[in-house]
Amino acid sequence: MKKTIAFILALLMVLSVTAFAADEDLAPEGWEAVSSGAKLIKPKSGSAWIHAWIELKNTGDVPLYLGSSDLEVISGEDHHEQTLRSVGAFPQVLLPGETGVYDTVTLADSDLPSKGLSVRADLEISEARVSCVRYDVTGLKIKADKYKRVIASGKISNGTNAVTEGLTYVGVLCYNKAGKYMGLLYTILSDDINPGEDLAFKTMPPNWKVKAEDIKETVTFAFKNQLQF
């Protein structure tokens, strides 16, 4: 099922959203928006990027499946600027009480304005029919590499009775000292992990601007890629 949500947030700000309550007709898909935003990133040279996200919480009593969704970047009250296609969520299966995120950084259209941007979406959220397969993350460290890019590293432990097989997603949701969402550090692993074994990981350098010392809180998910149709 789909829920239409609209978010009007100023550029460079992340505001708590409380006006978008869950539609009772869509139960048991109970969730609420926590924050959203769209930021234009202009490097000193090269192309501009757009960082867009929607942070949401499972307020219901059943696991939710967060399917890939299109995010629409708008300006002003309702002017379409750019569509960001098939944005994935971290995690895919969101348990009751958990907070997850749709987050993407992609090339910005050349005529995208630098101010007054926000994001809205028709999210593909449904009751999860796949099981929630998670892996433990230990030894998480966040630091800048020699190029001053922020990298998260640690180990994934397979505490299940099965080999991981397929793709394993690792996502680190980053928050500042005020508890506001900043962005996502992530990587995708293709190596199998046997039961009881560990595998080291490093996230890919982010295209959103951040300093390691500004990240004060993190929420980490490591999970098996699972598709639900």
N, C-alpha and C. Protein backbone atom coordinates (compact mmCIF):
# COMPACT_ATOMS: atom_id res chain seq x y z
N MET A 1 0.84 -1.20 0.00
CA MET A 1 0.00 0.00 0.00
C MET A 1 0.88 1.25 0.00
N LYS A 2 0.25 2.36 -0.40
CA LYS A 2 0.98 3.60 -0.46
C LYS A 2 0.38 4.61 0.50
N LYS A 3 1.23 5.48 0.98
CA LYS A 3 0.78 6.62 1.74
C LYS A 3 1.38 7.86 1.12
N THR A 4 0.60 8.85 0.87
CA THR A 4 1.14 10.09 0.32
C THR A 4 1.50 11.01 1.47
N ILE A 5 2.75 11.46 1.43
CA ILE A 5 3.21 12.38 2.47
C ILE A 5 3.86 13.57 1.81
N ALA A 6 3.69 14.73 2.39
CA ALA A 6 4.31 15.93 1.84
C ALA A 6 5.14 16.59 2.91
N PHE A 7 6.29 17.06 2.53
CA PHE A 7 7.18 17.68 3.48
C PHE A 7 7.65 19.02 2.91
N ILE A 8 7.47 20.09 3.63
CA ILE A 8 7.94 21.39 3.19
C ILE A 8 8.97 21.87 4.21
N LEU A 9 10.22 21.73 3.86
CA LEU A 9 11.31 22.11 4.76
C LEU A 9 12.25 23.06 4.04
N ALA A 10 12.82 23.99 4.74
CA ALA A 10 13.75 24.93 4.13
C ALA A 10 15.09 24.26 3.89
N LEU A 11 15.82 24.77 2.91
CA LEU A 11 17.16 24.28 2.60
C LEU A 11 18.06 24.47 3.81
N LEU A 12 18.88 23.46 4.03
CA LEU A 12 19.86 23.43 5.11
C LEU A 12 19.23 23.28 6.49
N MET A 13 17.96 22.86 6.55
CA MET A 13 17.31 22.64 7.83
C MET A 13 16.63 21.30 7.84
N VAL A 14 16.59 20.69 9.01
CA VAL A 14 15.85 19.46 9.19
C VAL A 14 14.88 19.69 10.34
N LEU A 15 13.59 19.70 10.05
CA LEU A 15 12.59 20.01 11.06
C LEU A 15 11.76 18.78 11.40
N SER A 16 11.38 18.67 12.65
CA SER A 16 10.51 17.59 13.06
C SER A 16 9.13 17.76 12.42
N VAL A 17 8.59 16.66 11.88
CA VAL A 17 7.30 16.72 11.20
C VAL A 17 6.26 15.99 12.05
N THR A 18 5.21 16.70 12.43
CA THR A 18 4.19 16.09 13.28
C THR A 18 2.81 16.18 12.64
N ALA A 19 2.69 16.88 11.51
CA ALA A 19 1.38 17.14 10.93
C ALA A 19 0.88 16.01 10.04
N PHE A 20 1.68 14.98 9.82
CA PHE A 20 1.31 13.93 8.90
C PHE A 20 1.04 12.64 9.66
N ALA A 21 -0.16 12.51 10.17
CA ALA A 21 -0.53 11.32 10.93
C ALA A 21 -0.84 10.17 9.98
N ALA A 22 -0.70 8.95 10.50
CA ALA A 22 -1.01 7.77 9.69
C ALA A 22 -2.50 7.72 9.38
N ASP A 23 -2.82 7.36 8.16
CA ASP A 23 -4.22 7.20 7.73
C ASP A 23 -4.77 5.91 8.30
N GLU A 24 -5.84 5.99 9.05
CA GLU A 24 -6.40 4.78 9.67
C GLU A 24 -6.83 3.75 8.63
N ASP A 25 -7.16 4.21 7.43
CA ASP A 25 -7.58 3.28 6.38
C ASP A 25 -6.43 2.41 5.91
N LEU A 26 -5.19 2.81 6.24
CA LEU A 26 -4.03 2.06 5.78
C LEU A 26 -3.46 1.16 6.88
N ALA A 27 -4.14 1.02 8.00
CA ALA A 27 -3.69 0.13 9.06
C ALA A 27 -3.57 -1.30 8.49
N PRO A 28 -2.56 -2.10 8.96
CA PRO A 28 -1.73 -1.86 10.14
C PRO A 28 -0.42 -1.15 9.85
N GLU A 29 -0.37 -0.36 8.78
CA GLU A 29 0.88 0.30 8.41
C GLU A 29 1.10 1.57 9.21
N GLY A 30 1.23 1.46 10.51
CA GLY A 30 1.40 2.62 11.36
C GLY A 30 2.82 3.15 11.31
N TRP A 31 2.97 4.39 10.86
CA TRP A 31 4.28 5.05 10.86
C TRP A 31 4.07 6.55 10.86
N GLU A 32 5.14 7.25 11.20
CA GLU A 32 5.07 8.71 11.17
C GLU A 32 6.39 9.27 10.68
N ALA A 33 6.30 10.42 10.01
CA ALA A 33 7.50 11.11 9.55
C ALA A 33 8.19 11.78 10.73
N VAL A 34 9.48 11.65 10.79
CA VAL A 34 10.27 12.29 11.84
C VAL A 34 10.94 13.55 11.31
N SER A 35 11.54 13.46 10.13
CA SER A 35 12.16 14.63 9.50
C SER A 35 12.31 14.36 8.02
N SER A 36 12.57 15.41 7.26
CA SER A 36 12.90 15.27 5.86
C SER A 36 13.67 16.48 5.42
N GLY A 37 14.28 16.41 4.25
CA GLY A 37 15.04 17.56 3.79
C GLY A 37 15.59 17.36 2.40
N ALA A 38 16.01 18.47 1.78
CA ALA A 38 16.68 18.45 0.49
C ALA A 38 17.75 19.53 0.51
N LYS A 39 18.97 19.15 0.22
CA LYS A 39 20.09 20.10 0.23
C LYS A 39 20.83 20.02 -1.10
N LEU A 40 21.10 21.16 -1.68
CA LEU A 40 21.92 21.22 -2.88
C LEU A 40 23.37 21.33 -2.46
N ILE A 41 24.21 20.45 -2.98
CA ILE A 41 25.62 20.42 -2.63
C ILE A 41 26.43 20.87 -3.84
N LYS A 42 27.13 21.98 -3.69
CA LYS A 42 27.93 22.53 -4.79
C LYS A 42 29.42 22.46 -4.44
N PRO A 43 30.15 21.50 -5.01
CA PRO A 43 31.60 21.44 -4.76
C PRO A 43 32.32 22.59 -5.45
N LYS A 44 33.59 22.76 -5.09
CA LYS A 44 34.37 23.85 -5.70
C LYS A 44 34.51 23.66 -7.20
N SER A 45 34.52 22.41 -7.63
CA SER A 45 34.59 22.11 -9.06
C SER A 45 33.72 20.89 -9.35
N GLY A 46 33.28 20.77 -10.56
CA GLY A 46 32.48 19.61 -10.93
C GLY A 46 30.99 19.85 -10.79
N SER A 47 30.22 18.78 -10.92
CA SER A 47 28.77 18.86 -10.93
C SER A 47 28.20 19.05 -9.53
N ALA A 48 27.01 19.61 -9.47
CA ALA A 48 26.29 19.77 -8.21
C ALA A 48 25.53 18.48 -7.89
N TRP A 49 25.28 18.24 -6.58
CA TRP A 49 24.57 17.06 -6.12
C TRP A 49 23.38 17.49 -5.30
N ILE A 50 22.39 16.62 -5.22
CA ILE A 50 21.24 16.85 -4.36
C ILE A 50 21.17 15.73 -3.32
N HIS A 51 21.11 16.12 -2.06
CA HIS A 51 20.96 15.17 -0.94
C HIS A 51 19.53 15.30 -0.42
N ALA A 52 18.78 14.21 -0.51
CA ALA A 52 17.38 14.22 -0.07
C ALA A 52 17.12 13.03 0.83
N TRP A 53 16.28 13.22 1.82
CA TRP A 53 15.98 12.13 2.75
C TRP A 53 14.60 12.29 3.38
N ILE A 54 14.06 11.18 3.83
CA ILE A 54 12.86 11.14 4.63
C ILE A 54 13.11 10.15 5.77
N GLU A 55 13.08 10.63 6.97
CA GLU A 55 13.29 9.81 8.17
C GLU A 55 11.93 9.46 8.74
N LEU A 56 11.70 8.20 9.07
CA LEU A 56 10.39 7.79 9.56
C LEU A 56 10.50 6.75 10.66
N LYS A 57 9.44 6.68 11.46
CA LYS A 57 9.41 5.76 12.60
C LYS A 57 8.22 4.83 12.49
N ASN A 58 8.45 3.55 12.82
CA ASN A 58 7.37 2.57 12.88
C ASN A 58 6.64 2.75 14.21
N THR A 59 5.45 3.30 14.15
CA THR A 59 4.67 3.54 15.36
C THR A 59 3.62 2.46 15.61
N GLY A 60 3.60 1.45 14.74
CA GLY A 60 2.61 0.39 14.87
C GLY A 60 3.13 -0.78 15.67
N ASP A 61 2.47 -1.92 15.53
CA ASP A 61 2.86 -3.10 16.29
C ASP A 61 3.25 -4.27 15.38
N VAL A 62 3.48 -4.00 14.09
CA VAL A 62 3.92 -5.04 13.17
C VAL A 62 5.11 -4.51 12.38
N PRO A 63 6.01 -5.40 11.92
CA PRO A 63 7.13 -4.97 11.08
C PRO A 63 6.63 -4.39 9.76
N LEU A 64 7.30 -3.38 9.27
CA LEU A 64 6.96 -2.75 8.00
C LEU A 64 8.05 -3.02 6.98
N TYR A 65 7.64 -3.19 5.73
CA TYR A 65 8.61 -3.32 4.64
C TYR A 65 8.67 -1.99 3.90
N LEU A 66 9.87 -1.43 3.82
CA LEU A 66 10.07 -0.15 3.16
C LEU A 66 10.60 -0.39 1.75
N GLY A 67 9.71 -0.37 0.78
CA GLY A 67 10.09 -0.63 -0.59
C GLY A 67 10.71 0.59 -1.25
N SER A 68 11.52 0.36 -2.29
CA SER A 68 12.13 1.46 -3.03
C SER A 68 11.05 2.41 -3.53
N SER A 69 11.31 3.70 -3.41
CA SER A 69 10.31 4.72 -3.72
C SER A 69 10.95 5.89 -4.44
N ASP A 70 10.13 6.60 -5.21
CA ASP A 70 10.58 7.83 -5.87
C ASP A 70 10.38 9.01 -4.94
N LEU A 71 11.39 9.86 -4.82
CA LEU A 71 11.28 11.10 -4.05
C LEU A 71 11.22 12.27 -5.02
N GLU A 72 10.36 13.21 -4.73
CA GLU A 72 10.21 14.37 -5.59
C GLU A 72 10.75 15.62 -4.88
N VAL A 73 11.72 16.26 -5.50
CA VAL A 73 12.27 17.50 -4.97
C VAL A 73 11.43 18.65 -5.52
N ILE A 74 10.97 19.50 -4.61
CA ILE A 74 10.14 20.63 -5.02
C ILE A 74 10.71 21.91 -4.44
N SER A 75 10.29 23.03 -5.01
CA SER A 75 10.65 24.34 -4.49
C SER A 75 9.38 25.16 -4.31
N GLY A 76 9.47 26.15 -3.45
CA GLY A 76 8.28 26.96 -3.18
C GLY A 76 7.18 26.12 -2.58
N GLU A 77 5.96 26.44 -2.91
CA GLU A 77 4.83 25.72 -2.35
C GLU A 77 4.59 24.38 -3.01
N ASP A 78 4.79 24.31 -4.35
CA ASP A 78 4.47 23.05 -5.01
C ASP A 78 5.06 22.98 -6.43
N HIS A 79 6.27 23.47 -6.60
CA HIS A 79 6.87 23.48 -7.94
C HIS A 79 7.83 22.31 -8.09
N HIS A 80 7.50 21.40 -9.00
CA HIS A 80 8.35 20.23 -9.23
C HIS A 80 9.70 20.64 -9.78
N GLU A 81 10.77 20.07 -9.21
CA GLU A 81 12.12 20.37 -9.67
C GLU A 81 12.83 19.13 -10.23
N GLN A 82 12.78 18.02 -9.49
CA GLN A 82 13.50 16.83 -9.93
C GLN A 82 12.93 15.60 -9.23
N THR A 83 12.88 14.49 -9.96
CA THR A 83 12.43 13.23 -9.38
C THR A 83 13.64 12.32 -9.16
N LEU A 84 13.77 11.80 -7.97
CA LEU A 84 14.87 10.90 -7.61
C LEU A 84 14.30 9.48 -7.59
N ARG A 85 14.71 8.66 -8.53
CA ARG A 85 14.07 7.38 -8.77
C ARG A 85 14.59 6.27 -7.87
N SER A 86 13.68 5.40 -7.47
CA SER A 86 13.99 4.12 -6.80
C SER A 86 14.96 4.29 -5.64
N VAL A 87 14.63 5.14 -4.71
CA VAL A 87 15.46 5.36 -3.53
C VAL A 87 15.20 4.25 -2.52
N GLY A 88 16.26 3.58 -2.09
CA GLY A 88 16.12 2.50 -1.13
C GLY A 88 16.10 3.00 0.30
N ALA A 89 15.66 2.13 1.21
CA ALA A 89 15.54 2.48 2.62
C ALA A 89 16.53 1.68 3.45
N PHE A 90 16.94 2.25 4.55
CA PHE A 90 17.75 1.56 5.56
C PHE A 90 17.01 1.64 6.87
N PRO A 91 16.61 0.48 7.44
CA PRO A 91 16.68 -0.87 6.87
C PRO A 91 15.47 -1.12 5.96
N GLN A 92 15.45 -2.28 5.31
CA GLN A 92 14.31 -2.64 4.49
C GLN A 92 13.11 -3.04 5.34
N VAL A 93 13.38 -3.79 6.41
CA VAL A 93 12.32 -4.20 7.34
C VAL A 93 12.48 -3.39 8.61
N LEU A 94 11.47 -2.59 8.93
CA LEU A 94 11.51 -1.70 10.08
C LEU A 94 10.62 -2.26 11.18
N LEU A 95 11.24 -2.60 12.31
CA LEU A 95 10.50 -3.20 13.41
C LEU A 95 9.77 -2.13 14.22
N PRO A 96 8.72 -2.51 14.96
CA PRO A 96 7.99 -1.54 15.78
C PRO A 96 8.93 -0.77 16.71
N GLY A 97 8.78 0.53 16.73
CA GLY A 97 9.60 1.39 17.57
C GLY A 97 10.88 1.86 16.93
N GLU A 98 11.28 1.27 15.81
CA GLU A 98 12.53 1.65 15.16
C GLU A 98 12.33 2.85 14.23
N THR A 99 13.44 3.54 13.97
CA THR A 99 13.47 4.64 13.03
C THR A 99 14.40 4.30 11.88
N GLY A 100 13.92 4.48 10.67
CA GLY A 100 14.73 4.23 9.48
C GLY A 100 14.72 5.43 8.57
N VAL A 101 15.30 5.29 7.38
CA VAL A 101 15.43 6.44 6.50
C VAL A 101 15.48 6.04 5.04
N TYR A 102 14.84 6.84 4.22
CA TYR A 102 15.08 6.87 2.78
C TYR A 102 16.10 7.98 2.56
N ASP A 103 17.21 7.67 1.91
CA ASP A 103 18.28 8.66 1.78
C ASP A 103 18.99 8.45 0.45
N THR A 104 19.22 9.54 -0.27
CA THR A 104 19.94 9.44 -1.53
C THR A 104 20.75 10.70 -1.78
N VAL A 105 21.87 10.54 -2.44
CA VAL A 105 22.66 11.65 -2.95
C VAL A 105 22.90 11.36 -4.43
N THR A 106 22.41 12.23 -5.28
CA THR A 106 22.51 12.00 -6.73
C THR A 106 22.79 13.31 -7.44
N LEU A 107 23.18 13.21 -8.70
CA LEU A 107 23.48 14.40 -9.48
C LEU A 107 22.24 15.29 -9.58
N ALA A 108 22.46 16.57 -9.38
CA ALA A 108 21.35 17.53 -9.45
C ALA A 108 21.16 18.01 -10.88
N ASP A 109 19.91 18.27 -11.22
CA ASP A 109 19.64 18.90 -12.51
C ASP A 109 20.34 20.26 -12.56
N SER A 110 20.77 20.64 -13.75
CA SER A 110 21.57 21.86 -13.89
C SER A 110 20.82 23.12 -13.48
N ASP A 111 19.48 23.09 -13.59
CA ASP A 111 18.70 24.29 -13.26
C ASP A 111 18.07 24.23 -11.88
N LEU A 112 18.52 23.32 -11.04
CA LEU A 112 17.95 23.19 -9.70
C LEU A 112 18.31 24.41 -8.86
N PRO A 113 17.33 25.08 -8.25
CA PRO A 113 17.66 26.26 -7.42
C PRO A 113 18.39 25.85 -6.15
N SER A 114 19.08 26.80 -5.57
CA SER A 114 19.89 26.50 -4.39
C SER A 114 19.15 26.78 -3.08
N LYS A 115 17.96 27.37 -3.16
CA LYS A 115 17.22 27.70 -1.94
C LYS A 115 15.78 27.24 -2.04
N GLY A 116 15.17 27.08 -0.87
CA GLY A 116 13.75 26.77 -0.80
C GLY A 116 13.37 25.39 -1.27
N LEU A 117 14.28 24.43 -1.16
CA LEU A 117 14.00 23.06 -1.60
C LEU A 117 13.39 22.23 -0.49
N SER A 118 12.55 21.30 -0.88
CA SER A 118 11.97 20.32 0.06
C SER A 118 11.71 19.04 -0.71
N VAL A 119 11.21 18.03 -0.01
CA VAL A 119 11.00 16.74 -0.64
C VAL A 119 9.65 16.17 -0.22
N ARG A 120 8.99 15.48 -1.15
CA ARG A 120 7.77 14.77 -0.84
C ARG A 120 7.82 13.45 -1.58
N ALA A 121 6.93 12.53 -1.21
CA ALA A 121 7.00 11.20 -1.81
C ALA A 121 5.70 10.44 -1.63
N ASP A 122 5.51 9.47 -2.48
CA ASP A 122 4.45 8.49 -2.35
C ASP A 122 5.17 7.18 -2.01
N LEU A 123 5.35 6.92 -0.72
CA LEU A 123 6.22 5.84 -0.27
C LEU A 123 5.57 4.47 -0.38
N GLU A 124 6.35 3.51 -0.79
CA GLU A 124 5.90 2.12 -0.88
C GLU A 124 6.14 1.42 0.46
N ILE A 125 5.21 1.56 1.36
CA ILE A 125 5.32 0.98 2.70
C ILE A 125 4.19 0.00 2.91
N SER A 126 4.53 -1.21 3.34
CA SER A 126 3.51 -2.24 3.55
C SER A 126 3.91 -3.11 4.74
N GLU A 127 2.99 -3.91 5.20
CA GLU A 127 3.31 -4.86 6.26
C GLU A 127 4.33 -5.86 5.73
N ALA A 128 5.36 -6.12 6.50
CA ALA A 128 6.43 -7.02 6.06
C ALA A 128 5.94 -8.47 6.02
N ARG A 129 6.15 -9.10 4.87
CA ARG A 129 5.86 -10.53 4.73
C ARG A 129 7.15 -11.34 4.73
N VAL A 130 8.29 -10.67 4.59
CA VAL A 130 9.58 -11.34 4.69
C VAL A 130 10.05 -11.24 6.13
N SER A 131 10.88 -12.17 6.53
CA SER A 131 11.41 -12.14 7.90
C SER A 131 12.47 -11.06 8.03
N CYS A 132 12.69 -10.61 9.23
CA CYS A 132 13.70 -9.58 9.50
C CYS A 132 15.03 -10.27 9.81
N VAL A 133 15.94 -10.29 8.84
CA VAL A 133 17.24 -10.93 9.02
C VAL A 133 18.28 -9.83 9.26
N ARG A 134 18.81 -9.79 10.46
CA ARG A 134 19.79 -8.77 10.86
C ARG A 134 21.09 -9.44 11.32
N TYR A 135 22.17 -8.65 11.25
CA TYR A 135 23.46 -9.10 11.73
C TYR A 135 24.02 -8.07 12.70
N ASP A 136 24.78 -8.55 13.70
CA ASP A 136 25.34 -7.65 14.71
C ASP A 136 26.52 -6.88 14.13
N VAL A 137 26.65 -5.62 14.57
CA VAL A 137 27.78 -4.78 14.18
C VAL A 137 28.57 -4.45 15.45
N THR A 138 29.86 -4.71 15.41
CA THR A 138 30.72 -4.45 16.57
C THR A 138 31.91 -3.59 16.14
N GLY A 139 32.50 -2.92 17.13
CA GLY A 139 33.71 -2.14 16.88
C GLY A 139 33.53 -0.98 15.92
N LEU A 140 32.34 -0.35 15.93
CA LEU A 140 32.09 0.72 14.99
C LEU A 140 32.97 1.93 15.29
N LYS A 141 33.66 2.42 14.26
CA LYS A 141 34.49 3.62 14.36
C LYS A 141 34.16 4.55 13.21
N ILE A 142 34.12 5.83 13.50
CA ILE A 142 33.89 6.84 12.48
C ILE A 142 35.04 7.84 12.52
N LYS A 143 35.73 7.97 11.40
CA LYS A 143 36.86 8.89 11.34
C LYS A 143 37.07 9.34 9.89
N ALA A 144 37.86 10.40 9.74
CA ALA A 144 38.18 10.90 8.42
C ALA A 144 39.41 10.19 7.87
N ASP A 145 39.38 9.88 6.56
CA ASP A 145 40.56 9.28 5.94
C ASP A 145 41.53 10.38 5.52
N LYS A 146 42.57 10.02 4.81
CA LYS A 146 43.61 11.00 4.46
C LYS A 146 43.09 12.08 3.51
N TYR A 147 41.95 11.82 2.88
CA TYR A 147 41.35 12.82 2.00
C TYR A 147 40.26 13.62 2.72
N LYS A 148 40.15 13.43 4.04
CA LYS A 148 39.19 14.12 4.89
C LYS A 148 37.75 13.68 4.61
N ARG A 149 37.60 12.49 4.04
CA ARG A 149 36.27 11.92 3.82
C ARG A 149 35.89 11.07 5.03
N VAL A 150 34.67 11.15 5.46
CA VAL A 150 34.22 10.43 6.65
C VAL A 150 33.94 8.97 6.29
N ILE A 151 34.53 8.07 7.05
CA ILE A 151 34.39 6.63 6.82
C ILE A 151 33.97 5.95 8.12
N ALA A 152 32.99 5.06 8.05
CA ALA A 152 32.62 4.21 9.20
C ALA A 152 33.18 2.82 8.95
N SER A 153 33.73 2.22 9.99
CA SER A 153 34.28 0.87 9.86
C SER A 153 33.93 0.05 11.08
N GLY A 154 33.99 -1.26 10.92
CA GLY A 154 33.68 -2.17 12.01
C GLY A 154 33.63 -3.59 11.52
N LYS A 155 32.94 -4.44 12.25
CA LYS A 155 32.79 -5.84 11.87
C LYS A 155 31.32 -6.25 11.93
N ILE A 156 30.94 -7.11 11.00
CA ILE A 156 29.62 -7.72 11.01
C ILE A 156 29.76 -9.14 11.52
N SER A 157 28.91 -9.51 12.46
CA SER A 157 28.92 -10.87 13.01
C SER A 157 27.65 -11.60 12.58
N ASN A 158 27.83 -12.76 12.00
CA ASN A 158 26.69 -13.57 11.58
C ASN A 158 26.28 -14.48 12.72
N GLY A 159 25.26 -14.07 13.45
CA GLY A 159 24.79 -14.86 14.58
C GLY A 159 23.64 -15.79 14.24
N THR A 160 23.36 -15.91 12.94
CA THR A 160 22.28 -16.80 12.51
C THR A 160 22.82 -18.20 12.26
N ASN A 161 21.95 -19.10 11.86
CA ASN A 161 22.35 -20.48 11.57
C ASN A 161 22.58 -20.72 10.07
N ALA A 162 22.61 -19.64 9.29
CA ALA A 162 22.75 -19.80 7.85
C ALA A 162 23.83 -18.87 7.31
N VAL A 163 24.45 -19.28 6.21
CA VAL A 163 25.39 -18.42 5.51
C VAL A 163 24.63 -17.21 4.97
N THR A 164 25.26 -16.05 4.99
CA THR A 164 24.56 -14.84 4.58
C THR A 164 24.04 -14.94 3.15
N GLU A 165 24.88 -15.31 2.20
CA GLU A 165 24.52 -15.45 0.78
C GLU A 165 23.88 -14.19 0.23
N GLY A 166 24.24 -13.83 -0.99
CA GLY A 166 23.69 -12.63 -1.60
C GLY A 166 24.31 -11.37 -1.02
N LEU A 167 23.57 -10.27 -1.12
CA LEU A 167 24.08 -8.98 -0.69
C LEU A 167 23.72 -8.68 0.75
N THR A 168 24.69 -8.12 1.47
CA THR A 168 24.47 -7.66 2.84
C THR A 168 24.64 -6.15 2.87
N TYR A 169 23.63 -5.45 3.37
CA TYR A 169 23.65 -4.00 3.44
C TYR A 169 24.04 -3.55 4.85
N VAL A 170 24.90 -2.56 4.92
CA VAL A 170 25.29 -1.95 6.20
C VAL A 170 25.02 -0.46 6.11
N GLY A 171 24.20 0.06 7.00
CA GLY A 171 23.88 1.49 7.00
C GLY A 171 24.08 2.10 8.38
N VAL A 172 24.73 3.25 8.42
CA VAL A 172 24.96 3.97 9.66
C VAL A 172 24.23 5.31 9.56
N LEU A 173 23.14 5.45 10.31
CA LEU A 173 22.40 6.70 10.35
C LEU A 173 23.11 7.65 11.30
N CYS A 174 23.44 8.85 10.85
CA CYS A 174 24.26 9.79 11.61
C CYS A 174 23.43 10.96 12.12
N TYR A 175 23.68 11.34 13.38
CA TYR A 175 22.95 12.42 14.02
C TYR A 175 23.93 13.40 14.68
N ASN A 176 23.54 14.68 14.74
CA ASN A 176 24.40 15.67 15.39
C ASN A 176 24.12 15.72 16.89
N LYS A 177 24.73 16.67 17.58
CA LYS A 177 24.59 16.73 19.04
C LYS A 177 23.18 17.09 19.48
N ALA A 178 22.41 17.68 18.57
CA ALA A 178 21.02 18.02 18.89
C ALA A 178 20.07 16.87 18.57
N GLY A 179 20.62 15.75 18.08
CA GLY A 179 19.79 14.60 17.75
C GLY A 179 19.12 14.71 16.39
N LYS A 180 19.56 15.63 15.55
CA LYS A 180 18.99 15.81 14.22
C LYS A 180 19.71 14.91 13.21
N TYR A 181 18.93 14.34 12.32
CA TYR A 181 19.49 13.46 11.29
C TYR A 181 20.38 14.26 10.34
N MET A 182 21.57 13.70 10.03
CA MET A 182 22.52 14.37 9.16
C MET A 182 22.65 13.67 7.80
N GLY A 183 22.70 12.35 7.83
CA GLY A 183 22.89 11.63 6.58
C GLY A 183 23.26 10.18 6.85
N LEU A 184 23.49 9.45 5.78
CA LEU A 184 23.71 8.01 5.84
C LEU A 184 25.09 7.65 5.34
N LEU A 185 25.78 6.82 6.11
CA LEU A 185 27.01 6.16 5.65
C LEU A 185 26.66 4.70 5.40
N TYR A 186 27.07 4.17 4.25
CA TYR A 186 26.65 2.81 3.96
C TYR A 186 27.65 2.09 3.06
N THR A 187 27.49 0.79 3.01
CA THR A 187 28.22 -0.04 2.06
C THR A 187 27.38 -1.27 1.77
N ILE A 188 27.73 -1.96 0.68
CA ILE A 188 27.04 -3.19 0.29
C ILE A 188 28.09 -4.27 0.10
N LEU A 189 27.95 -5.37 0.83
CA LEU A 189 28.94 -6.44 0.82
C LEU A 189 28.40 -7.64 0.05
N SER A 190 29.26 -8.24 -0.76
CA SER A 190 28.85 -9.42 -1.53
C SER A 190 29.48 -10.71 -1.01
N ASP A 191 30.45 -10.60 -0.09
CA ASP A 191 31.09 -11.80 0.46
C ASP A 191 30.14 -12.55 1.39
N ASP A 192 30.15 -13.88 1.30
CA ASP A 192 29.36 -14.69 2.22
C ASP A 192 30.01 -14.70 3.60
N ILE A 193 29.17 -14.73 4.62
CA ILE A 193 29.66 -14.83 6.00
C ILE A 193 29.06 -16.09 6.61
N ASN A 194 29.91 -17.01 7.02
CA ASN A 194 29.45 -18.25 7.62
C ASN A 194 28.90 -18.00 9.02
N PRO A 195 28.01 -18.87 9.50
CA PRO A 195 27.49 -18.73 10.86
C PRO A 195 28.62 -18.66 11.89
N GLY A 196 28.53 -17.72 12.80
CA GLY A 196 29.54 -17.58 13.84
C GLY A 196 30.79 -16.83 13.44
N GLU A 197 30.86 -16.39 12.19
CA GLU A 197 32.05 -15.68 11.71
C GLU A 197 31.79 -14.19 11.56
N ASP A 198 32.91 -13.43 11.47
CA ASP A 198 32.85 -11.98 11.32
C ASP A 198 33.39 -11.56 9.96
N LEU A 199 33.03 -10.36 9.55
CA LEU A 199 33.57 -9.78 8.33
C LEU A 199 33.75 -8.28 8.55
N ALA A 200 34.96 -7.78 8.26
CA ALA A 200 35.23 -6.35 8.41
C ALA A 200 34.60 -5.57 7.26
N PHE A 201 34.22 -4.33 7.55
CA PHE A 201 33.62 -3.49 6.52
C PHE A 201 34.09 -2.04 6.67
N LYS A 202 34.03 -1.32 5.59
CA LYS A 202 34.22 0.13 5.56
C LYS A 202 33.15 0.72 4.65
N THR A 203 32.55 1.82 5.09
CA THR A 203 31.53 2.44 4.27
C THR A 203 32.17 3.24 3.13
N MET A 204 31.38 3.48 2.12
CA MET A 204 31.84 4.28 0.99
C MET A 204 31.87 5.75 1.38
N PRO A 205 32.80 6.53 0.82
CA PRO A 205 32.84 7.97 1.14
C PRO A 205 31.54 8.65 0.75
N PRO A 206 30.98 9.46 1.62
CA PRO A 206 29.70 10.11 1.30
C PRO A 206 29.90 11.32 0.40
N ASN A 207 28.87 11.62 -0.37
CA ASN A 207 28.89 12.83 -1.19
C ASN A 207 28.24 14.01 -0.47
N TRP A 208 27.61 13.75 0.69
CA TRP A 208 27.07 14.85 1.49
C TRP A 208 28.16 15.36 2.42
N LYS A 209 28.10 16.65 2.73
CA LYS A 209 29.15 17.28 3.52
C LYS A 209 28.99 16.97 5.00
N VAL A 210 30.08 16.51 5.61
CA VAL A 210 30.04 16.18 7.03
C VAL A 210 31.47 16.10 7.56
N LYS A 211 31.64 16.45 8.83
CA LYS A 211 32.90 16.26 9.52
C LYS A 211 32.71 15.17 10.57
N ALA A 212 33.72 14.34 10.73
CA ALA A 212 33.61 13.21 11.65
C ALA A 212 33.27 13.69 13.07
N GLU A 213 33.85 14.80 13.48
CA GLU A 213 33.63 15.28 14.84
C GLU A 213 32.22 15.80 15.07
N ASP A 214 31.47 16.05 13.99
CA ASP A 214 30.10 16.54 14.14
C ASP A 214 29.09 15.42 14.33
N ILE A 215 29.52 14.19 14.07
CA ILE A 215 28.62 13.04 14.25
C ILE A 215 28.70 12.61 15.72
N LYS A 216 27.62 12.79 16.43
CA LYS A 216 27.61 12.51 17.87
C LYS A 216 26.83 11.25 18.22
N GLU A 217 25.88 10.86 17.38
CA GLU A 217 25.10 9.65 17.63
C GLU A 217 24.95 8.88 16.33
N THR A 218 24.85 7.57 16.45
CA THR A 218 24.64 6.73 15.27
C THR A 218 23.65 5.62 15.58
N VAL A 219 22.95 5.17 14.55
CA VAL A 219 22.11 3.98 14.61
C VAL A 219 22.54 3.12 13.43
N THR A 220 22.91 1.89 13.70
CA THR A 220 23.50 1.03 12.67
C THR A 220 22.62 -0.18 12.39
N PHE A 221 22.46 -0.46 11.11
CA PHE A 221 21.72 -1.64 10.67
C PHE A 221 22.59 -2.44 9.71
N ALA A 222 22.64 -3.75 9.91
CA ALA A 222 23.26 -4.66 8.95
C ALA A 222 22.22 -5.74 8.65
N PHE A 223 21.87 -5.89 7.39
CA PHE A 223 20.75 -6.77 7.08
C PHE A 223 20.91 -7.40 5.70
N LYS A 224 20.23 -8.50 5.53
CA LYS A 224 20.20 -9.21 4.26
C LYS A 224 19.26 -8.50 3.30
N ASN A 225 19.72 -8.36 2.05
CA ASN A 225 18.85 -7.76 1.03
C ASN A 225 17.70 -8.71 0.74
N GLN A 226 16.48 -8.21 0.96
CA GLN A 226 15.29 -9.04 0.76
C GLN A 226 14.26 -8.26 -0.04
N LEU A 227 13.78 -8.86 -1.10
CA LEU A 227 12.77 -8.23 -1.93
C LEU A 227 11.39 -8.78 -1.59
N GLN A 228 10.41 -7.88 -1.55
CA GLN A 228 9.04 -8.28 -1.28
C GLN A 228 8.16 -7.78 -2.41
N PHE A 229 7.39 -8.68 -2.98
CA PHE A 229 6.53 -8.33 -4.11
C PHE A 229 5.06 -8.45 -3.71
